[in-house]
Protein backbone atom coordinates (compact mmCIF):
# COMPACT_ATOMS: atom_id res chain seq x y z
CA MET A 1 -27.38 1.99 16.48
CA ASP A 2 -26.26 4.19 13.60
CA ALA A 3 -24.27 2.15 11.08
CA ARG A 4 -21.55 4.78 11.10
CA ALA A 5 -20.87 4.02 14.75
CA ARG A 6 -19.63 0.58 13.69
CA ARG A 7 -17.00 1.96 11.35
CA PRO A 8 -13.65 0.55 12.50
CA GLY A 9 -10.85 2.91 13.41
CA PRO A 10 -7.13 2.50 12.71
CA THR A 11 -6.33 1.59 16.34
CA VAL A 12 -8.05 -0.15 19.24
CA ARG A 13 -7.53 0.15 23.01
CA VAL A 14 -6.73 -2.92 25.09
CA ARG A 15 -5.74 -3.62 28.70
CA VAL A 16 -2.33 -5.28 29.12
CA ASP A 17 -0.04 -6.51 31.91
CA GLU A 18 3.49 -5.11 31.66
CA LEU A 19 6.00 -7.38 33.42
CA ARG A 20 9.24 -5.65 34.41
CA ALA A 21 12.33 -7.71 35.19
CA GLU A 22 14.18 -5.14 37.27
CA THR A 23 11.39 -4.77 39.82
CA GLU A 24 9.66 -8.14 39.32
CA SER A 25 6.45 -6.18 39.18
CA VAL A 26 3.29 -6.32 37.12
CA ARG A 27 1.81 -3.09 35.87
CA ARG A 28 -1.75 -3.04 34.51
CA ARG A 29 -2.16 -0.37 31.85
CA GLU A 30 -3.89 0.58 28.62
CA ASP A 31 -2.21 -0.02 25.29
CA ARG A 32 -3.09 0.65 21.66
CA LEU A 33 -3.01 -1.94 18.88
CA ILE A 34 -3.10 -1.33 15.15
CA THR A 35 -6.42 -2.52 13.75
CA GLU A 36 -6.33 -5.41 11.27
CA GLU A 37 -9.56 -6.21 9.45
CA PRO A 38 -10.46 -7.72 6.06
CA LEU A 39 -11.33 -5.57 3.08
CA GLU A 40 -13.15 -7.14 0.14
CA LEU A 41 -12.72 -5.39 -3.20
CA ARG A 42 -15.32 -5.67 -5.96
CA LEU A 43 -15.16 -4.41 -9.53
CA GLU A 44 -17.98 -3.31 -11.80
CA TRP A 45 -18.16 -1.64 -15.21
CA PRO A 46 -20.87 -0.80 -17.74
CA GLY A 47 -22.86 -3.93 -18.51
CA ALA A 48 -21.31 -6.01 -15.72
CA GLU A 49 -22.46 -6.58 -12.17
CA ALA A 50 -20.06 -6.07 -9.29
CA ARG A 51 -17.85 -9.08 -8.64
CA ARG A 52 -15.34 -9.88 -5.93
CA VAL A 53 -11.74 -9.78 -7.14
CA TRP A 54 -9.60 -9.47 -4.01
CA VAL A 55 -9.64 -9.74 -0.24
CA THR A 56 -6.83 -8.38 1.92
CA MET A 57 -6.17 -7.74 5.59
CA ARG A 58 -5.66 -4.03 6.14
CA THR A 59 -5.76 -1.17 8.62
CA PRO A 60 -9.12 0.63 8.22
CA GLY A 61 -8.82 4.14 6.86
CA HIS A 62 -8.19 5.46 3.34
CA ASP A 63 -10.06 2.40 2.06
CA PHE A 64 -11.04 4.05 -1.22
CA GLU A 65 -7.40 4.97 -1.85
CA LEU A 66 -6.35 1.40 -1.14
CA ALA A 67 -8.89 0.09 -3.65
CA ALA A 68 -8.02 2.61 -6.36
CA GLY A 69 -4.29 2.11 -5.93
CA TRP A 70 -4.61 -1.67 -6.11
CA VAL A 71 -6.60 -1.43 -9.34
CA VAL A 72 -3.93 0.77 -10.93
CA HIS A 73 -1.03 -1.38 -9.69
CA GLU A 74 -2.71 -4.51 -11.03
CA GLY A 75 -3.06 -2.93 -14.47
CA LEU A 76 -6.86 -3.15 -14.40
CA ALA A 77 -7.52 0.50 -15.28
CA PRO A 78 -5.60 3.65 -16.26
CA ALA A 79 -4.68 5.85 -13.33
CA ARG A 80 -6.58 8.98 -14.31
CA GLU A 81 -9.59 8.21 -16.50
CA GLY A 82 -10.13 4.51 -15.84
CA ILE A 83 -11.82 4.78 -12.43
CA VAL A 84 -15.17 6.59 -12.31
CA GLY A 85 -16.28 5.76 -8.77
CA VAL A 86 -15.34 4.12 -5.49
CA ALA A 87 -17.91 3.40 -2.75
CA TYR A 88 -18.67 1.12 0.15
CA CYS A 89 -20.97 -1.70 -0.90
CA THR A 90 -24.60 -1.39 0.24
CA ASP A 91 -25.82 -4.94 -0.40
CA ALA A 92 -28.75 -5.76 1.86
CA SER A 93 -27.18 -9.18 2.46
CA LEU A 94 -24.14 -7.70 4.21
CA ARG A 95 -23.93 -8.16 7.96
CA PRO A 96 -23.53 -4.95 10.01
CA GLU A 97 -19.84 -5.65 10.68
CA GLN A 98 -19.25 -5.84 6.90
CA ASP A 99 -20.70 -2.42 6.11
CA PHE A 100 -17.31 -0.73 5.90
CA ASN A 101 -15.27 -3.77 4.87
CA VAL A 102 -16.54 -4.15 1.28
CA VAL A 103 -15.60 -1.58 -1.39
CA THR A 104 -16.77 -1.47 -5.01
CA VAL A 105 -14.68 0.24 -7.69
CA THR A 106 -16.56 1.29 -10.82
CA LEU A 107 -14.48 1.25 -13.99
CA ALA A 108 -15.13 3.28 -17.11
CA ALA A 109 -14.62 0.20 -19.29
CA PRO A 110 -14.00 -3.55 -18.89
CA PRO A 111 -10.52 -4.30 -17.53
CA PRO A 112 -7.98 -5.81 -19.94
CA ARG A 113 -7.87 -8.84 -17.69
CA LEU A 114 -9.06 -10.06 -14.31
CA PRO A 115 -6.76 -11.39 -11.61
CA HIS A 116 -6.12 -15.11 -11.76
CA GLN A 117 -8.73 -17.08 -9.87
CA HIS A 118 -6.29 -18.15 -7.18
CA GLU A 119 -5.48 -14.49 -6.57
CA ALA A 120 -9.04 -13.26 -6.67
CA LEU A 121 -10.89 -15.79 -4.55
CA SER A 122 -8.43 -16.40 -1.74
CA ALA A 123 -7.87 -13.96 1.06
CA GLY A 124 -4.47 -12.32 1.14
CA SER A 125 -2.63 -11.68 4.36
CA SER A 126 -1.48 -8.23 5.36
CA ALA A 127 2.01 -9.28 4.19
CA CYS A 128 0.88 -10.48 0.75
CA GLY A 129 0.89 -8.21 -2.26
CA VAL A 130 0.77 -9.75 -5.73
CA CYS A 131 1.02 -13.32 -4.48
CA GLY A 132 0.24 -15.60 -7.42
CA THR A 133 1.88 -13.45 -10.07
CA ASP A 134 3.52 -15.96 -12.37
CA SER A 135 6.72 -14.28 -13.45
CA VAL A 136 8.85 -11.17 -13.65
CA GLY A 137 7.72 -10.93 -17.26
CA GLU A 138 4.06 -10.68 -16.23
CA ALA A 139 4.87 -7.88 -13.78
CA LEU A 140 6.76 -5.99 -16.47
CA VAL A 141 3.69 -6.02 -18.68
CA ARG A 142 2.05 -3.67 -16.17
CA ARG A 143 4.99 -1.26 -16.18
CA ALA A 144 4.11 2.37 -16.90
CA SER A 145 6.27 4.64 -19.01
CA PRO A 146 9.74 4.99 -17.48
CA TRP A 147 10.37 7.99 -15.23
CA THR A 148 12.29 10.67 -17.15
CA GLY A 149 12.48 13.35 -14.46
CA SER A 150 15.14 14.04 -11.86
CA LEU A 151 16.00 11.53 -9.13
CA PRO A 152 17.03 12.32 -5.54
CA ASP A 153 20.76 12.65 -5.01
CA PRO A 154 22.46 10.55 -2.27
CA ASP A 155 22.13 13.24 0.41
CA VAL A 156 18.38 13.42 -0.16
CA VAL A 157 18.07 9.63 -0.27
CA ARG A 158 19.72 9.29 3.13
CA ARG A 159 17.33 11.85 4.66
CA LEU A 160 14.12 10.32 3.34
CA PRO A 161 13.57 7.56 5.96
CA ASP A 162 13.81 10.06 8.83
CA ALA A 163 11.41 12.39 7.03
CA LEU A 164 8.97 9.49 6.68
CA ARG A 165 9.42 8.43 10.29
CA GLU A 166 8.48 11.92 11.51
CA ARG A 167 5.04 11.50 9.92
CA GLN A 168 4.26 7.96 11.10
CA ARG A 169 1.51 8.86 13.56
CA LEU A 170 0.00 5.36 13.82
CA PHE A 171 3.44 3.83 14.42
CA ASP A 172 3.99 6.29 17.25
CA SER A 173 0.86 5.05 19.02
CA THR A 174 1.08 1.33 18.21
CA GLY A 175 4.54 0.33 16.94
CA GLY A 176 2.83 -2.16 14.64
CA VAL A 177 2.41 -0.54 11.24
CA HIS A 178 4.31 0.01 7.99
CA ALA A 179 4.52 3.25 6.05
CA ALA A 180 5.05 4.43 2.48
CA ALA A 181 5.48 7.88 0.97
CA LEU A 182 5.72 9.49 -2.42
CA ALA A 183 8.59 11.99 -2.62
CA THR A 184 9.94 14.51 -5.08
CA ALA A 185 13.56 14.54 -6.22
CA GLY A 186 14.17 17.30 -3.70
CA GLY A 187 12.88 15.20 -0.81
CA ASP A 188 9.43 16.74 -0.30
CA LEU A 189 6.90 14.12 0.84
CA LEU A 190 3.71 14.47 -1.19
CA VAL A 191 1.69 11.65 0.40
CA VAL A 192 2.30 9.48 3.47
CA ARG A 193 0.15 6.47 4.32
CA GLU A 194 0.39 3.79 7.02
CA ASP A 195 -1.06 0.29 7.11
CA VAL A 196 -0.52 -3.07 8.74
CA GLY A 197 0.50 -4.32 5.28
CA ARG A 198 3.45 -2.91 3.33
CA HIS A 199 1.70 -3.37 0.01
CA ASN A 200 -1.49 -1.76 1.33
CA ALA A 201 0.43 1.36 2.33
CA VAL A 202 1.81 1.64 -1.21
CA ASP A 203 -1.65 1.09 -2.73
CA LYS A 204 -3.01 3.87 -0.52
CA VAL A 205 -0.26 6.26 -1.65
CA THR A 206 -1.05 5.72 -5.33
CA GLY A 207 -4.79 5.73 -4.64
CA ALA A 208 -4.52 9.08 -2.88
CA ARG A 209 -3.01 10.58 -6.02
CA VAL A 210 -5.61 8.93 -8.27
CA LEU A 211 -8.57 10.20 -6.25
CA ALA A 212 -7.02 13.68 -6.01
CA GLY A 213 -6.60 13.80 -9.80
CA GLU A 214 -2.82 14.06 -9.47
CA PRO A 215 -0.13 12.11 -11.40
CA VAL A 216 0.83 8.81 -9.75
CA ALA A 217 4.36 8.86 -11.21
CA GLU A 218 7.01 10.68 -9.20
CA ALA A 219 10.73 10.60 -8.46
CA CYS A 220 10.71 8.32 -5.41
CA LEU A 221 8.73 5.86 -3.33
CA VAL A 222 9.93 5.58 0.29
CA LEU A 223 9.29 2.47 2.42
CA SER A 224 9.69 1.93 6.15
CA GLY A 225 10.75 -1.73 5.87
CA ARG A 226 12.17 -4.30 3.49
CA VAL A 227 11.53 -4.49 -0.25
CA GLY A 228 9.86 -7.51 -1.79
CA TYR A 229 9.09 -8.24 -5.41
CA GLU A 230 5.49 -7.04 -5.18
CA LEU A 231 6.53 -3.58 -3.97
CA VAL A 232 8.89 -3.11 -6.90
CA GLN A 233 6.07 -4.22 -9.21
CA LYS A 234 3.75 -1.57 -7.78
CA ALA A 235 6.42 1.14 -8.17
CA LEU A 236 6.92 0.18 -11.82
CA ALA A 237 3.17 0.11 -12.46
CA ALA A 238 2.91 3.66 -11.13
CA GLY A 239 5.86 4.91 -13.21
CA ILE A 240 8.01 5.81 -10.20
CA GLY A 241 11.70 6.53 -10.78
CA SER A 242 13.34 5.19 -7.63
CA LEU A 243 12.56 3.26 -4.48
CA VAL A 244 14.21 3.95 -1.11
CA ALA A 245 13.81 1.48 1.75
CA VAL A 246 15.00 1.22 5.33
CA GLY A 247 15.43 -2.56 5.04
CA ALA A 248 16.88 -5.07 2.64
CA PRO A 249 15.58 -6.05 -0.79
CA THR A 250 14.98 -9.62 -1.86
CA SER A 251 16.77 -11.17 -4.82
CA LEU A 252 13.64 -11.08 -6.98
CA ALA A 253 13.02 -7.44 -6.06
CA VAL A 254 16.49 -6.52 -7.33
CA SER A 255 16.04 -8.55 -10.51
CA LEU A 256 12.71 -6.91 -11.29
CA ALA A 257 14.06 -3.42 -10.52
CA ARG A 258 16.95 -3.99 -12.92
CA GLU A 259 14.65 -5.29 -15.64
CA GLY A 260 12.26 -2.40 -15.17
CA GLY A 261 14.80 0.42 -14.90
CA LEU A 262 13.93 1.32 -11.30
CA VAL A 263 16.71 2.73 -9.09
CA LEU A 264 16.58 0.73 -5.87
CA HIS A 265 18.13 1.71 -2.51
CA GLY A 266 18.12 -0.41 0.66
CA PHE A 267 19.53 -0.20 4.20
CA THR A 268 18.99 3.54 4.04
CA GLY A 269 19.69 5.80 7.01
CA PRO A 270 21.38 9.11 7.83
CA ASP A 271 24.87 7.65 7.41
CA ARG A 272 24.53 5.37 4.39
CA THR A 273 22.42 3.82 1.69
CA VAL A 274 23.08 0.81 -0.54
CA ARG A 275 22.17 1.20 -4.21
CA TYR A 276 21.34 -2.07 -5.96
CA THR A 277 20.43 -0.83 -9.44
């Protein structure tokens, strides 16, 4: 079988039994589930062999963007010139099912640091972003230059979640995926990505800009769910000016946003938004 035929897709079909209370009936039908599979990330640079630095559970698709975005958010390479290549690993020792689940990022130079061992060698869940980061201070070290451009006004902020929802194709078919988008101050969505993990979706958004040779900093990052500390950290690392979320922020997310100068909105919908910073 051609190896490409094994490449996992973003959704899978399953047979389910739908039990309805009003008719006390059982309906056998087909359903779609969002795919969740591991992705191992390796780094290499001149004079160094590829080494594993991270494993996450993700939705297959835009894997190179996910890898590039994670590298930038972790402060391991500059957004534009620091990454010279991204490819699936071709080790002969890989099993067939691993062919598209291992990605190697080639850096132009050695990274300023490597992730802590407990971050690098343990698998992260699809809900885990920068688990193991030691402090708000460490996250602030990765902060890019503050955003100096325009920010969306309240009317635009309140419209952003609906604009994002209109482009959530995987959510429409599965109901089991998060989304993130990069938006201008006027509300135009530049990139939209979906993934089973919130942090993966954000990595993919930044990675898309990196691989397209576009700036990663912009007026606003839009999220389909709640805001945790690691998502604020990624926004700061990319140099984003504001973050707009449908759900609530955590206490540490608000603290980090205030320290980093990020404008943070939660509970955002057509009728209201709550600004925390």
